[in-house]
Amino acid sequence: MSVENLRSPERQLIELRMEHADLDDSIDRLSLTQPVDELMLRRLKKRRLGLRDQIQQIERLLDPKEPA
């Protein structure tokens, strides 16, 4: 695998989606614990929102809606 493939937008998108899914799982598990660690839950949710923004940016880069 070449260095270009490791940093390609497609590869970044895959990695971000995987991290987003991992955060979903972590948030689900943490919300089931008693007592709930509200601070950690907020931090994880904030990180998940940031990842979603990054994913959307890369998706727009790869598939622009307007013709160039």
Protein backbone atom coordinates (compact mmCIF):
# COMPACT_ATOMS: atom_id res chain seq x y z
CA MET A 1 0.00 0.00 0.00
CA SER A 2 1.43 3.36 -0.95
CA VAL A 3 1.70 6.37 1.33
CA GLU A 4 -0.88 8.20 -0.80
CA ASN A 5 -3.47 5.50 -0.09
CA LEU A 6 -2.88 5.76 3.65
CA ARG A 7 -3.82 9.45 3.66
CA SER A 8 -6.46 9.40 0.95
CA PRO A 9 -9.83 10.99 1.77
CA GLU A 10 -11.47 7.59 1.30
CA ARG A 11 -9.17 6.03 3.90
CA GLN A 12 -9.72 8.94 6.30
CA LEU A 13 -13.47 8.53 5.87
CA ILE A 14 -13.28 4.83 6.76
CA GLU A 15 -11.18 5.53 9.85
CA LEU A 16 -13.49 8.32 11.03
CA ARG A 17 -16.58 6.13 10.56
CA MET A 18 -14.93 3.35 12.56
CA GLU A 19 -14.04 5.73 15.37
CA HIS A 20 -17.59 7.15 15.31
CA ALA A 21 -19.04 3.62 15.65
CA ASP A 22 -16.65 2.89 18.53
CA LEU A 23 -17.79 6.05 20.29
CA ASP A 24 -21.43 5.04 19.79
CA ASP A 25 -20.70 1.75 21.54
CA SER A 26 -18.79 3.45 24.34
CA ILE A 27 -21.59 5.96 24.90
CA ASP A 28 -24.19 3.18 24.99
CA ARG A 29 -22.19 1.16 27.53
CA LEU A 30 -21.40 4.18 29.69
CA SER A 31 -25.03 5.27 29.82
CA LEU A 32 -25.94 1.84 31.28
CA THR A 33 -23.53 2.11 34.22
CA GLN A 34 -24.71 3.32 37.59
CA PRO A 35 -23.96 5.98 38.58
CA VAL A 36 -23.62 7.53 35.14
CA ASP A 37 -20.43 9.57 34.63
CA GLU A 38 -22.12 12.62 33.13
CA LEU A 39 -18.87 14.47 32.43
CA MET A 40 -17.37 11.56 30.49
CA LEU A 41 -20.65 11.06 28.64
CA ARG A 42 -20.68 14.72 27.55
CA ARG A 43 -17.05 14.52 26.42
CA LEU A 44 -17.70 11.40 24.35
CA LYS A 45 -20.79 12.92 22.76
CA LYS A 46 -18.89 16.11 21.92
CA ARG A 47 -16.10 14.07 20.30
CA ARG A 48 -18.72 12.07 18.35
CA LEU A 49 -20.26 15.31 17.03
CA GLY A 50 -16.82 16.51 15.94
CA LEU A 51 -16.24 13.25 14.09
CA ARG A 52 -19.61 13.55 12.38
CA ASP A 53 -18.64 17.04 11.17
CA GLN A 54 -15.33 15.71 9.81
CA ILE A 55 -17.13 12.83 8.08
CA GLN A 56 -19.57 15.24 6.43
CA GLN A 57 -16.72 17.47 5.22
CA ILE A 58 -14.93 14.56 3.58
CA GLU A 59 -18.17 13.26 2.07
CA ARG A 60 -18.79 16.67 0.49
CA LEU A 61 -15.23 16.69 -0.84
CA LEU A 62 -15.66 13.26 -2.40
CA ASP A 63 -19.18 13.79 -3.76
CA PRO A 64 -19.91 17.46 -4.42
CA LYS A 65 -23.57 18.15 -5.15
CA GLU A 66 -22.91 20.93 -7.64
CA PRO A 67 -21.18 20.25 -10.97
CA ALA A 68 -17.70 21.70 -11.16
